[in-house]
Amino acid sequence: APRLVLQRADGVLIGDGGARTEIVSMA
């Protein structure tokens, strides 16, 4: 994503700020 935000307290990574956010599996 154009913008990745790491929430330090719980270790969650959030992608936002663009036309799309994708989570994929790849080798």
PDB file of all heavy atoms in Angstrom:
ATOM      1  N   ALA A   1       0.857  -1.192   0.000  1.00  0.00           N
ATOM      2  CA  ALA A   1       0.000   0.000   0.000  1.00  0.00           C
ATOM      3  C   ALA A   1       0.887   1.233   0.000  1.00  0.00           C
ATOM      4  O   ALA A   1       2.045   1.178   0.420  1.00  0.00           O
ATOM      5  CB  ALA A   1      -0.912   0.001   1.222  1.00  0.00           C
ATOM      6  N   PRO A   2       0.381   2.364  -0.469  1.00  0.00           N
ATOM      7  CA  PRO A   2       1.167   3.593  -0.396  1.00  0.00           C
ATOM      8  C   PRO A   2       1.531   3.984   1.036  1.00  0.00           C
ATOM      9  O   PRO A   2       2.518   4.688   1.260  1.00  0.00           O
ATOM     10  CB  PRO A   2       0.254   4.642  -1.039  1.00  0.00           C
ATOM     11  CG  PRO A   2      -0.659   3.863  -1.911  1.00  0.00           C
ATOM     12  CD  PRO A   2      -0.887   2.570  -1.183  1.00  0.00           C
ATOM     13  N   ARG A   3       0.727   3.484   1.986  1.00  0.00           N
ATOM     14  CA  ARG A   3       0.963   3.883   3.373  1.00  0.00           C
ATOM     15  C   ARG A   3       0.734   2.678   4.282  1.00  0.00           C
ATOM     16  O   ARG A   3      -0.359   2.126   4.316  1.00  0.00           O
ATOM     17  CB  ARG A   3       0.004   5.016   3.752  1.00  0.00           C
ATOM     18  CG  ARG A   3       0.208   5.637   5.111  1.00  0.00           C
ATOM     19  CD  ARG A   3      -0.669   6.890   5.197  1.00  0.00           C
ATOM     20  NE  ARG A   3      -0.474   7.616   6.431  1.00  0.00           N
ATOM     21  CZ  ARG A   3      -1.226   7.486   7.525  1.00  0.00           C
ATOM     22  NH1 ARG A   3      -2.246   6.622   7.502  1.00  0.00           N
ATOM     23  NH2 ARG A   3      -0.989   8.191   8.599  1.00  0.00           N
ATOM     24  N   LEU A   4       1.783   2.258   4.979  1.00  0.00           N
ATOM     25  CA  LEU A   4       1.684   1.167   5.950  1.00  0.00           C
ATOM     26  C   LEU A   4       1.846   1.755   7.350  1.00  0.00           C
ATOM     27  O   LEU A   4       2.770   2.534   7.618  1.00  0.00           O
ATOM     28  CB  LEU A   4       2.766   0.115   5.711  1.00  0.00           C
ATOM     29  CG  LEU A   4       2.738  -0.608   4.359  1.00  0.00           C
ATOM     30  CD1 LEU A   4       3.862  -1.636   4.294  1.00  0.00           C
ATOM     31  CD2 LEU A   4       1.400  -1.270   4.122  1.00  0.00           C
ATOM     32  N   VAL A   5       0.936   1.360   8.246  1.00  0.00           N
ATOM     33  CA  VAL A   5       0.950   1.868   9.614  1.00  0.00           C
ATOM     34  C   VAL A   5       1.114   0.688  10.558  1.00  0.00           C
ATOM     35  O   VAL A   5       0.295  -0.243  10.558  1.00  0.00           O
ATOM     36  CB  VAL A   5      -0.350   2.631   9.950  1.00  0.00           C
ATOM     37  CG1 VAL A   5      -0.296   3.139  11.386  1.00  0.00           C
ATOM     38  CG2 VAL A   5      -0.552   3.778   8.984  1.00  0.00           C
ATOM     39  N   LEU A   6       2.184   0.727  11.376  1.00  0.00           N
ATOM     40  CA  LEU A   6       2.421  -0.317  12.379  1.00  0.00           C
ATOM     41  C   LEU A   6       1.909   0.172  13.725  1.00  0.00           C
ATOM     42  O   LEU A   6       2.365   1.200  14.246  1.00  0.00           O
ATOM     43  CB  LEU A   6       3.909  -0.647  12.483  1.00  0.00           C
ATOM     44  CG  LEU A   6       4.297  -1.604  13.627  1.00  0.00           C
ATOM     45  CD1 LEU A   6       3.643  -2.967  13.439  1.00  0.00           C
ATOM     46  CD2 LEU A   6       5.806  -1.730  13.742  1.00  0.00           C
ATOM     47  N   GLN A   7       0.919  -0.554  14.286  1.00  0.00           N
ATOM     48  CA  GLN A   7       0.437  -0.277  15.629  1.00  0.00           C
ATOM     49  C   GLN A   7       1.356  -1.012  16.604  1.00  0.00           C
ATOM     50  O   GLN A   7       1.294  -2.234  16.732  1.00  0.00           O
ATOM     51  CB  GLN A   7      -1.017  -0.759  15.781  1.00  0.00           C
ATOM     52  CG  GLN A   7      -1.991  -0.152  14.789  1.00  0.00           C
ATOM     53  CD  GLN A   7      -2.347   1.293  15.145  1.00  0.00           C
ATOM     54  OE1 GLN A   7      -1.781   1.882  16.036  1.00  0.00           O
ATOM     55  NE2 GLN A   7      -3.300   1.844  14.409  1.00  0.00           N
ATOM     56  N   ARG A   8       2.218  -0.266  17.292  1.00  0.00           N
ATOM     57  CA  ARG A   8       3.266  -0.889  18.104  1.00  0.00           C
ATOM     58  C   ARG A   8       2.716  -1.675  19.283  1.00  0.00           C
ATOM     59  O   ARG A   8       3.273  -2.698  19.670  1.00  0.00           O
ATOM     60  CB  ARG A   8       4.230   0.179  18.606  1.00  0.00           C
ATOM     61  CG  ARG A   8       4.977   0.910  17.501  1.00  0.00           C
ATOM     62  CD  ARG A   8       5.781   2.055  18.076  1.00  0.00           C
ATOM     63  NE  ARG A   8       6.770   1.583  19.039  1.00  0.00           N
ATOM     64  CZ  ARG A   8       7.371   2.357  19.933  1.00  0.00           C
ATOM     65  NH1 ARG A   8       7.037   3.640  20.009  1.00  0.00           N
ATOM     66  NH2 ARG A   8       8.264   1.878  20.750  1.00  0.00           N
ATOM     67  N   ALA A   9       1.617  -1.213  19.848  1.00  0.00           N
ATOM     68  CA  ALA A   9       1.116  -1.852  21.067  1.00  0.00           C
ATOM     69  C   ALA A   9       0.722  -3.302  20.832  1.00  0.00           C
ATOM     70  O   ALA A   9       1.046  -4.192  21.627  1.00  0.00           O
ATOM     71  CB  ALA A   9      -0.062  -1.061  21.631  1.00  0.00           C
ATOM     72  N   ASP A  10       0.003  -3.581  19.709  1.00  0.00           N
ATOM     73  CA  ASP A  10      -0.475  -4.937  19.455  1.00  0.00           C
ATOM     74  C   ASP A  10       0.218  -5.599  18.270  1.00  0.00           C
ATOM     75  O   ASP A  10      -0.120  -6.722  17.881  1.00  0.00           O
ATOM     76  CB  ASP A  10      -1.990  -4.937  19.233  1.00  0.00           C
ATOM     77  CG  ASP A  10      -2.419  -3.865  18.239  1.00  0.00           C
ATOM     78  OD1 ASP A  10      -1.550  -3.407  17.468  1.00  0.00           O
ATOM     79  OD2 ASP A  10      -3.592  -3.497  18.248  1.00  0.00           O
ATOM     80  N   GLY A  11       1.177  -4.886  17.640  1.00  0.00           N
ATOM     81  CA  GLY A  11       1.914  -5.479  16.538  1.00  0.00           C
ATOM     82  C   GLY A  11       1.113  -5.643  15.264  1.00  0.00           C
ATOM     83  O   GLY A  11       1.477  -6.450  14.407  1.00  0.00           O
ATOM     84  N   VAL A  12       0.043  -4.897  15.067  1.00  0.00           N
ATOM     85  CA  VAL A  12      -0.801  -4.991  13.874  1.00  0.00           C
ATOM     86  C   VAL A  12      -0.284  -4.035  12.813  1.00  0.00           C
ATOM     87  O   VAL A  12       0.016  -2.870  13.096  1.00  0.00           O
ATOM     88  CB  VAL A  12      -2.259  -4.664  14.231  1.00  0.00           C
ATOM     89  CG1 VAL A  12      -3.106  -4.608  12.966  1.00  0.00           C
ATOM     90  CG2 VAL A  12      -2.805  -5.710  15.201  1.00  0.00           C
ATOM     91  N   LEU A  13      -0.201  -4.516  11.570  1.00  0.00           N
ATOM     92  CA  LEU A  13       0.213  -3.704  10.432  1.00  0.00           C
ATOM     93  C   LEU A  13      -0.999  -3.412   9.555  1.00  0.00           C
ATOM     94  O   LEU A  13      -1.690  -4.327   9.115  1.00  0.00           O
ATOM     95  CB  LEU A  13       1.284  -4.423   9.619  1.00  0.00           C
ATOM     96  CG  LEU A  13       1.839  -3.657   8.409  1.00  0.00           C
ATOM     97  CD1 LEU A  13       2.590  -2.413   8.875  1.00  0.00           C
ATOM     98  CD2 LEU A  13       2.747  -4.563   7.583  1.00  0.00           C
ATOM     99  N   ILE A  14      -1.254  -2.136   9.293  1.00  0.00           N
ATOM    100  CA  ILE A  14      -2.418  -1.710   8.514  1.00  0.00           C
ATOM    101  C   ILE A  14      -1.934  -1.018   7.245  1.00  0.00           C
ATOM    102  O   ILE A  14      -1.083  -0.133   7.297  1.00  0.00           O
ATOM    103  CB  ILE A  14      -3.313  -0.754   9.319  1.00  0.00           C
ATOM    104  CG1 ILE A  14      -3.801  -1.438  10.599  1.00  0.00           C
ATOM    105  CG2 ILE A  14      -4.496  -0.271   8.491  1.00  0.00           C
ATOM    106  CD1 ILE A  14      -4.545  -0.519  11.539  1.00  0.00           C
ATOM    107  N   GLY A  15      -2.488  -1.418   6.082  1.00  0.00           N
ATOM    108  CA  GLY A  15      -2.185  -0.765   4.831  1.00  0.00           C
ATOM    109  C   GLY A  15      -3.356   0.073   4.374  1.00  0.00           C
ATOM    110  O   GLY A  15      -4.486  -0.396   4.346  1.00  0.00           O
ATOM    111  N   ASP A  16      -3.117   1.333   4.039  1.00  0.00           N
ATOM    112  CA  ASP A  16      -4.217   2.184   3.559  1.00  0.00           C
ATOM    113  C   ASP A  16      -3.643   3.330   2.722  1.00  0.00           C
ATOM    114  O   ASP A  16      -2.439   3.408   2.494  1.00  0.00           O
ATOM    115  CB  ASP A  16      -5.029   2.742   4.739  1.00  0.00           C
ATOM    116  CG  ASP A  16      -4.216   3.660   5.632  1.00  0.00           C
ATOM    117  OD1 ASP A  16      -3.067   4.028   5.271  1.00  0.00           O
ATOM    118  OD2 ASP A  16      -4.718   4.035   6.701  1.00  0.00           O
ATOM    119  N   GLY A  17      -4.571   4.183   2.260  1.00  0.00           N
ATOM    120  CA  GLY A  17      -4.174   5.408   1.605  1.00  0.00           C
ATOM    121  C   GLY A  17      -4.069   5.330   0.104  1.00  0.00           C
ATOM    122  O   GLY A  17      -3.625   6.284  -0.516  1.00  0.00           O
ATOM    123  N   GLY A  18      -4.439   4.225  -0.520  1.00  0.00           N
ATOM    124  CA  GLY A  18      -4.320   4.153  -1.955  1.00  0.00           C
ATOM    125  C   GLY A  18      -5.584   3.631  -2.613  1.00  0.00           C
ATOM    126  O   GLY A  18      -6.623   3.442  -1.967  1.00  0.00           O
ATOM    127  N   ALA A  19      -5.477   3.378  -3.890  1.00  0.00           N
ATOM    128  CA  ALA A  19      -6.631   2.842  -4.620  1.00  0.00           C
ATOM    129  C   ALA A  19      -6.966   1.449  -4.137  1.00  0.00           C
ATOM    130  O   ALA A  19      -8.118   1.025  -4.181  1.00  0.00           O
ATOM    131  CB  ALA A  19      -6.343   2.839  -6.108  1.00  0.00           C
ATOM    132  N   ARG A  20      -6.009   0.687  -3.716  1.00  0.00           N
ATOM    133  CA  ARG A  20      -6.309  -0.659  -3.220  1.00  0.00           C
ATOM    134  C   ARG A  20      -5.257  -1.072  -2.203  1.00  0.00           C
ATOM    135  O   ARG A  20      -4.138  -0.567  -2.178  1.00  0.00           O
ATOM    136  CB  ARG A  20      -6.340  -1.657  -4.354  1.00  0.00           C
ATOM    137  CG  ARG A  20      -4.986  -1.877  -5.013  1.00  0.00           C
ATOM    138  CD  ARG A  20      -5.037  -2.983  -6.034  1.00  0.00           C
ATOM    139  NE  ARG A  20      -3.718  -3.288  -6.557  1.00  0.00           N
ATOM    140  CZ  ARG A  20      -3.459  -4.349  -7.312  1.00  0.00           C
ATOM    141  NH1 ARG A  20      -4.436  -5.199  -7.617  1.00  0.00           N
ATOM    142  NH2 ARG A  20      -2.242  -4.561  -7.770  1.00  0.00           N
ATOM    143  N   THR A  21      -5.630  -1.972  -1.356  1.00  0.00           N
ATOM    144  CA  THR A  21      -4.727  -2.613  -0.413  1.00  0.00           C
ATOM    145  C   THR A  21      -4.888  -4.095  -0.606  1.00  0.00           C
ATOM    146  O   THR A  21      -6.005  -4.614  -0.579  1.00  0.00           O
ATOM    147  CB  THR A  21      -5.088  -2.240   1.042  1.00  0.00           C
ATOM    148  OG1 THR A  21      -4.926  -0.838   1.203  1.00  0.00           O
ATOM    149  CG2 THR A  21      -4.193  -2.981   2.005  1.00  0.00           C
ATOM    150  N   GLU A  22      -3.814  -4.787  -0.862  1.00  0.00           N
ATOM    151  CA  GLU A  22      -3.941  -6.217  -1.115  1.00  0.00           C
ATOM    152  C   GLU A  22      -3.086  -7.013  -0.145  1.00  0.00           C
ATOM    153  O   GLU A  22      -2.025  -6.584   0.293  1.00  0.00           O
ATOM    154  CB  GLU A  22      -3.505  -6.535  -2.553  1.00  0.00           C
ATOM    155  CG  GLU A  22      -2.065  -6.147  -2.873  1.00  0.00           C
ATOM    156  CD  GLU A  22      -1.721  -6.435  -4.318  1.00  0.00           C
ATOM    157  OE1 GLU A  22      -2.124  -5.653  -5.203  1.00  0.00           O
ATOM    158  OE2 GLU A  22      -1.055  -7.451  -4.535  1.00  0.00           O
ATOM    159  N   ILE A  23      -3.595  -8.155   0.249  1.00  0.00           N
ATOM    160  CA  ILE A  23      -2.886  -9.120   1.066  1.00  0.00           C
ATOM    161  C   ILE A  23      -2.848 -10.396   0.263  1.00  0.00           C
ATOM    162  O   ILE A  23      -3.897 -10.976  -0.039  1.00  0.00           O
ATOM    163  CB  ILE A  23      -3.581  -9.358   2.414  1.00  0.00           C
ATOM    164  CG1 ILE A  23      -3.703  -8.032   3.190  1.00  0.00           C
ATOM    165  CG2 ILE A  23      -2.816 -10.385   3.244  1.00  0.00           C
ATOM    166  CD1 ILE A  23      -4.458  -8.173   4.479  1.00  0.00           C
ATOM    167  N   VAL A  24      -1.689 -10.803  -0.169  1.00  0.00           N
ATOM    168  CA  VAL A  24      -1.576 -11.997  -1.012  1.00  0.00           C
ATOM    169  C   VAL A  24      -0.525 -12.921  -0.455  1.00  0.00           C
ATOM    170  O   VAL A  24       0.294 -12.548   0.388  1.00  0.00           O
ATOM    171  CB  VAL A  24      -1.174 -11.584  -2.458  1.00  0.00           C
ATOM    172  CG1 VAL A  24      -2.209 -10.663  -3.059  1.00  0.00           C
ATOM    173  CG2 VAL A  24       0.181 -10.916  -2.471  1.00  0.00           C
ATOM    174  N   SER A  25      -0.571 -14.163  -0.917  1.00  0.00           N
ATOM    175  CA  SER A  25       0.448 -15.153  -0.609  1.00  0.00           C
ATOM    176  C   SER A  25       1.288 -15.358  -1.832  1.00  0.00           C
ATOM    177  O   SER A  25       0.795 -15.446  -2.950  1.00  0.00           O
ATOM    178  CB  SER A  25      -0.190 -16.477  -0.176  1.00  0.00           C
ATOM    179  OG  SER A  25      -0.925 -16.304   1.013  1.00  0.00           O
ATOM    180  N   MET A  26       2.580 -15.391  -1.643  1.00  0.00           N
ATOM    181  CA  MET A  26       3.472 -15.579  -2.766  1.00  0.00           C
ATOM    182  C   MET A  26       4.743 -16.279  -2.289  1.00  0.00           C
ATOM    183  O   MET A  26       5.082 -16.264  -1.097  1.00  0.00           O
ATOM    184  CB  MET A  26       3.825 -14.241  -3.423  1.00  0.00           C
ATOM    185  CG  MET A  26       4.444 -13.230  -2.477  1.00  0.00           C
ATOM    186  SD  MET A  26       4.565 -11.585  -3.197  1.00  0.00           S
ATOM    187  CE  MET A  26       5.552 -11.918  -4.620  1.00  0.00           C
ATOM    188  N   ALA A  27       5.420 -16.932  -3.212  1.00  0.00           N
ATOM    189  CA  ALA A  27       6.636 -17.636  -2.850  1.00  0.00           C
ATOM    190  C   ALA A  27       7.732 -16.637  -2.501  1.00  0.00           C
ATOM    191  O   ALA A  27       7.802 -15.551  -3.041  1.00  0.00           O
ATOM    192  CB  ALA A  27       7.070 -18.535  -4.021  1.00  0.00           C
TER     193      ALA A  27
END
